[in-house]
Structure formats: C-alpha cells, structure tokens
C-alpha atoms as a PDB file:
ATOM      1  CA  MET A   1       7.778  -8.403  38.069  1.00  0.00           C
ATOM      2  CA  GLU A   2      11.259  -8.862  39.429  1.00  0.00           C
ATOM      3  CA  ASN A   3      12.314  -5.579  37.797  1.00  0.00           C
ATOM      4  CA  LEU A   4       9.277  -3.762  39.210  1.00  0.00           C
ATOM      5  CA  THR A   5      10.012  -5.113  42.696  1.00  0.00           C
ATOM      6  CA  ALA A   6      13.671  -4.134  42.427  1.00  0.00           C
ATOM      7  CA  ALA A   7      12.871  -0.636  41.145  1.00  0.00           C
ATOM      8  CA  SER A   8      10.138   0.087  43.687  1.00  0.00           C
ATOM      9  CA  GLY A   9      11.517  -1.760  46.691  1.00  0.00           C
ATOM     10  CA  HIS A  10       8.030  -3.178  47.257  1.00  0.00           C
ATOM     11  CA  SER A  11       6.564  -6.632  46.769  1.00  0.00           C
ATOM     12  CA  CYS A  12       4.569  -7.142  43.599  1.00  0.00           C
ATOM     13  CA  GLY A  13       1.786  -9.598  42.819  1.00  0.00           C
ATOM     14  CA  LEU A  14      -0.403 -10.634  39.913  1.00  0.00           C
ATOM     15  CA  ASN A  15      -3.942 -11.683  40.817  1.00  0.00           C
ATOM     16  CA  ILE A  16      -6.824 -12.940  38.712  1.00  0.00           C
ATOM     17  CA  LEU A  17     -10.535 -12.722  39.361  1.00  0.00           C
ATOM     18  CA  SER A  18     -12.174 -15.994  40.351  1.00  0.00           C
ATOM     19  CA  GLY A  19     -15.866 -15.440  41.061  1.00  0.00           C
ATOM     20  CA  ASP A  20     -16.107 -13.211  44.139  1.00  0.00           C
ATOM     21  CA  TYR A  21     -12.437 -13.829  44.968  1.00  0.00           C
ATOM     22  CA  VAL A  22      -9.033 -12.819  43.675  1.00  0.00           C
ATOM     23  CA  GLU A  23      -6.363 -15.489  43.365  1.00  0.00           C
ATOM     24  CA  ARG A  24      -2.613 -14.862  43.374  1.00  0.00           C
ATOM     25  CA  ILE A  25      -1.007 -16.458  40.327  1.00  0.00           C
ATOM     26  CA  HIS A  26       2.464 -14.935  40.656  1.00  0.00           C
ATOM     27  CA  GLY A  27       4.286 -12.783  43.161  1.00  0.00           C
ATOM     28  CA  VAL A  28       7.721 -11.423  43.974  1.00  0.00           C
ATOM     29  CA  THR A  29       8.514 -10.451  47.553  1.00  0.00           C
ATOM     30  CA  ALA A  30      10.904  -7.564  48.124  1.00  0.00           C
ATOM     31  CA  PRO A  31      14.060  -8.615  49.999  1.00  0.00           C
ATOM     32  CA  GLU A  32      13.478  -6.025  52.733  1.00  0.00           C
ATOM     33  CA  ALA A  33       9.753  -6.740  53.020  1.00  0.00           C
ATOM     34  CA  VAL A  34       8.308  -6.250  56.473  1.00  0.00           C
ATOM     35  CA  GLY A  35       4.818  -7.610  56.995  1.00  0.00           C
ATOM     36  CA  TYR A  36       3.175 -10.491  55.223  1.00  0.00           C
ATOM     37  CA  ALA A  37       3.628 -12.147  51.862  1.00  0.00           C
ATOM     38  CA  THR A  38       1.038 -14.083  49.904  1.00  0.00           C
ATOM     39  CA  HIS A  39       1.938 -17.048  47.780  1.00  0.00           C
ATOM     40  CA  GLU A  40       0.635 -18.471  44.523  1.00  0.00           C
ATOM     41  CA  GLY A  41      -2.756 -20.104  44.890  1.00  0.00           C
ATOM     42  CA  VAL A  42      -3.885 -17.986  47.847  1.00  0.00           C
ATOM     43  CA  ARG A  43      -7.439 -16.673  47.436  1.00  0.00           C
ATOM     44  CA  ALA A  44      -9.101 -13.721  49.145  1.00  0.00           C
ATOM     45  CA  PRO A  45     -12.594 -12.196  48.939  1.00  0.00           C
ATOM     46  CA  LEU A  46     -12.829  -9.097  46.734  1.00  0.00           C
ATOM     47  CA  TYR A  47     -13.640  -6.853  49.701  1.00  0.00           C
ATOM     48  CA  ALA A  48     -10.565  -8.048  51.621  1.00  0.00           C
ATOM     49  CA  SER A  49      -7.839  -7.520  49.031  1.00  0.00           C
ATOM     50  CA  PRO A  50      -6.381  -4.375  47.480  1.00  0.00           C
ATOM     51  CA  SER A  51      -6.697  -5.778  43.957  1.00  0.00           C
ATOM     52  CA  GLY A  52     -10.325  -6.769  44.609  1.00  0.00           C
ATOM     53  CA  LYS A  53     -11.101  -3.244  45.753  1.00  0.00           C
ATOM     54  CA  LEU A  54      -9.910  -1.945  42.359  1.00  0.00           C
ATOM     55  CA  CYS A  55     -12.767  -3.660  40.502  1.00  0.00           C
ATOM     56  CA  PRO A  56     -15.262  -0.770  40.821  1.00  0.00           C
ATOM     57  CA  PHE A  57     -12.671   1.579  39.315  1.00  0.00           C
ATOM     58  CA  MET A  58     -11.711  -0.793  36.482  1.00  0.00           C
ATOM     59  CA  ASN A  59     -15.279  -1.646  35.491  1.00  0.00           C
ATOM     60  CA  GLY A  60     -15.757  -0.503  31.902  1.00  0.00           C
ATOM     61  CA  ARG A  61     -12.118   0.535  31.463  1.00  0.00           C
ATOM     62  CA  VAL A  62     -10.639  -2.937  31.080  1.00  0.00           C
ATOM     63  CA  PRO A  63     -13.149  -5.189  29.286  1.00  0.00           C
ATOM     64  CA  GLY A  64     -13.930  -8.289  31.326  1.00  0.00           C
ATOM     65  CA  ALA A  65     -11.493  -7.393  34.100  1.00  0.00           C
ATOM     66  CA  CYS A  66     -14.113  -7.521  36.839  1.00  0.00           C
ATOM     67  CA  ASP A  67     -16.779  -9.835  35.467  1.00  0.00           C
ATOM     68  CA  THR A  68     -17.710 -11.906  38.497  1.00  0.00           C
ATOM     69  CA  ASP A  69     -19.827 -14.293  36.368  1.00  0.00           C
ATOM     70  CA  ARG A  70     -16.790 -16.392  35.446  1.00  0.00           C
END
C-alpha cells in the first residue's frame, strides 16, 4: 500500500465488509494529503463510503465480497 500511495500520490485504504458497514483495517495517508484521513477501526455505513458504494458492482464478480449476512 505504501508503494501504491507513493506512485499515485493519493491516500490508500483497505476496508472489509462488516454487516451493513465497511471497516478500515489498514491505510496509508499520502504526505501531501489535503482533506481527511480515516484510521484503522473506523466504520462507515455502506451508503456513506466509496468502498461501500462499490458493492453493487462487485456482486457476483468477487465471490463473497459483498455478502452482508456476515
């Protein structure tokens, strides 16, 4: 993730699905980041996070990626 952040110049985060929420489990903030940063353990509703909004597009493409029954 550090390499991706360095190459893109943007912050990068890894979130997991937790019911109707996504939870940040790891993140790297770009040094020049302007705006906000989320930290490990922060949870957000699916509708309120960019990664949560991806679920309809991932459904069926990545098995189990957006199963909200967990």
